[in-house]
Each structure stands twice: as C-alpha cells, then as structure tokens.
C-alpha atoms as a PDB file:
ATOM      1  CA  MET A   1       6.592   2.462 -11.766  1.00  0.00           C
ATOM      2  CA  ILE A   2       4.694   0.402  -9.213  1.00  0.00           C
ATOM      3  CA  LYS A   3       0.980  -0.243  -8.833  1.00  0.00           C
ATOM      4  CA  VAL A   4      -0.710   0.374  -5.481  1.00  0.00           C
ATOM      5  CA  GLU A   5      -4.078  -1.281  -4.902  1.00  0.00           C
ATOM      6  CA  PHE A   6      -6.453  -0.575  -2.044  1.00  0.00           C
ATOM      7  CA  LEU A   7      -8.508  -3.537  -0.885  1.00  0.00           C
ATOM      8  CA  GLY A   8     -11.727  -3.832   1.086  1.00  0.00           C
ATOM      9  CA  PRO A   9     -13.556  -0.782   2.409  1.00  0.00           C
ATOM     10  CA  ILE A  10     -10.899   1.761   1.456  1.00  0.00           C
ATOM     11  CA  GLY A  11     -12.780   2.103  -1.818  1.00  0.00           C
ATOM     12  CA  LYS A  12     -10.076   3.759  -3.919  1.00  0.00           C
ATOM     13  CA  ALA A  13      -9.075   2.810  -7.429  1.00  0.00           C
ATOM     14  CA  PRO A  14      -5.513   1.488  -7.942  1.00  0.00           C
ATOM     15  CA  ILE A  15      -2.820   4.059  -8.697  1.00  0.00           C
ATOM     16  CA  GLU A  16       0.631   3.933 -10.269  1.00  0.00           C
ATOM     17  CA  ILE A  17       3.513   5.795  -8.648  1.00  0.00           C
ATOM     18  CA  GLU A  18       7.294   5.993  -8.687  1.00  0.00           C
ATOM     19  CA  ALA A  19       8.807   4.594  -5.470  1.00  0.00           C
ATOM     20  CA  ASP A  20      12.034   2.853  -4.497  1.00  0.00           C
ATOM     21  CA  THR A  21      10.907   1.535  -1.096  1.00  0.00           C
ATOM     22  CA  LEU A  22       7.736   1.003   0.908  1.00  0.00           C
ATOM     23  CA  ALA A  23       8.724   4.073   2.936  1.00  0.00           C
ATOM     24  CA  ASP A  24       8.477   6.109  -0.296  1.00  0.00           C
ATOM     25  CA  VAL A  25       5.012   4.642  -0.910  1.00  0.00           C
ATOM     26  CA  SER A  26       3.964   5.596   2.621  1.00  0.00           C
ATOM     27  CA  VAL A  27       5.107   9.197   2.189  1.00  0.00           C
ATOM     28  CA  LYS A  28       3.175   9.548  -1.064  1.00  0.00           C
ATOM     29  CA  LEU A  29       0.022   7.899   0.286  1.00  0.00           C
ATOM     30  CA  LYS A  30      -0.003  10.134   3.385  1.00  0.00           C
ATOM     31  CA  GLU A  31      -0.506  13.081   1.022  1.00  0.00           C
ATOM     32  CA  ASP A  32      -3.989  11.736   0.165  1.00  0.00           C
ATOM     33  CA  GLU A  33      -6.401  12.651   2.965  1.00  0.00           C
ATOM     34  CA  THR A  34      -8.761   9.795   2.048  1.00  0.00           C
ATOM     35  CA  ILE A  35      -6.017   7.171   2.402  1.00  0.00           C
ATOM     36  CA  ALA A  36      -3.899   8.599   5.244  1.00  0.00           C
ATOM     37  CA  PRO A  37      -6.264   7.568   8.081  1.00  0.00           C
ATOM     38  CA  TRP A  38      -6.108   3.930   6.942  1.00  0.00           C
ATOM     39  CA  LEU A  39      -2.341   3.575   6.786  1.00  0.00           C
ATOM     40  CA  SER A  40      -1.627   2.955  10.477  1.00  0.00           C
ATOM     41  CA  LYS A  41      -4.248   0.172  10.551  1.00  0.00           C
ATOM     42  CA  CYS A  42      -3.371  -1.656   7.344  1.00  0.00           C
ATOM     43  CA  ALA A  43      -1.092  -4.526   6.465  1.00  0.00           C
ATOM     44  CA  VAL A  44       0.982  -4.362   3.282  1.00  0.00           C
ATOM     45  CA  ALA A  45       1.756  -7.004   0.683  1.00  0.00           C
ATOM     46  CA  VAL A  46       4.162  -6.798  -2.236  1.00  0.00           C
ATOM     47  CA  ASN A  47       3.284  -9.152  -5.069  1.00  0.00           C
ATOM     48  CA  ASP A  48       0.992 -11.117  -2.696  1.00  0.00           C
ATOM     49  CA  THR A  49       3.661 -11.547   0.016  1.00  0.00           C
ATOM     50  CA  MET A  50       3.159  -9.816   3.369  1.00  0.00           C
ATOM     51  CA  VAL A  51       5.941  -7.322   4.136  1.00  0.00           C
ATOM     52  CA  ASN A  52       6.666  -5.504   7.416  1.00  0.00           C
ATOM     53  CA  ASP A  53       9.887  -3.698   6.474  1.00  0.00           C
ATOM     54  CA  ARG A  54       9.364  -0.081   5.390  1.00  0.00           C
ATOM     55  CA  ASN A  55      12.830  -0.199   3.786  1.00  0.00           C
ATOM     56  CA  PHE A  56      11.762  -3.070   1.519  1.00  0.00           C
ATOM     57  CA  GLU A  57      13.093  -2.260  -1.948  1.00  0.00           C
ATOM     58  CA  LEU A  58      10.634  -2.167  -4.809  1.00  0.00           C
ATOM     59  CA  LYS A  59      11.313  -2.773  -8.467  1.00  0.00           C
ATOM     60  CA  ASP A  60       9.536  -1.653 -11.595  1.00  0.00           C
ATOM     61  CA  GLY A  61       6.285  -3.544 -12.061  1.00  0.00           C
ATOM     62  CA  ASP A  62       5.783  -4.510  -8.395  1.00  0.00           C
ATOM     63  CA  ARG A  63       2.242  -4.504  -6.999  1.00  0.00           C
ATOM     64  CA  VAL A  64       1.725  -3.122  -3.494  1.00  0.00           C
ATOM     65  CA  SER A  65      -1.539  -4.071  -1.816  1.00  0.00           C
ATOM     66  CA  ILE A  66      -2.900  -2.058   1.104  1.00  0.00           C
ATOM     67  CA  LEU A  67      -4.930  -4.470   3.242  1.00  0.00           C
ATOM     68  CA  PRO A  68      -7.279  -2.991   5.850  1.00  0.00           C
ATOM     69  CA  PRO A  69      -8.255  -5.011   8.917  1.00  0.00           C
ATOM     70  CA  VAL A  70     -11.335  -7.156   8.486  1.00  0.00           C
ATOM     71  CA  CYS A  71     -13.459  -9.259  10.738  1.00  0.00           C
ATOM     72  CA  GLY A  72     -15.515 -12.258   9.939  1.00  0.00           C
ATOM     73  CA  GLY A  73     -16.691 -15.448  11.340  1.00  0.00           C
END
C-alpha cells in the first residue's frame, strides 16, 4: 500500500492505493475526474525525491507526492 498526497491547489485529501509503479498510480488517478486534469501539469516525488520515470518501482509504505506548478516571487 502506498500513500498519495496532493499538494497545493489540488485540494484533495491523501489516499492509499495498491500500486507497483508510478505508471500504476497514474492509471488509478486518471479515473478521478477531479485529479485527472492536473496530472499532465504536475511533477511527482517519491519519498521527497523528484522522479521522472513512470516505470519507477514502488514499495509498500512509499509516499507519492503530486506537485502542481506554482509561481511566486
């Protein structure tokens, strides 16, 4: 089981899901119409480390953070 957290303006509570890779997480998150529009714009971190590989393997207890783009000054 992994925890997925949604940061910033996404405004969704964390969820726990079964997933072996980030690609599995993506498939499951695309099923949620409130999250799906964000996915193409967001960065992803696993246990606070940025990850770009959708085939990145996850293990039980990992935390996946969905990071929307932000601006500031």
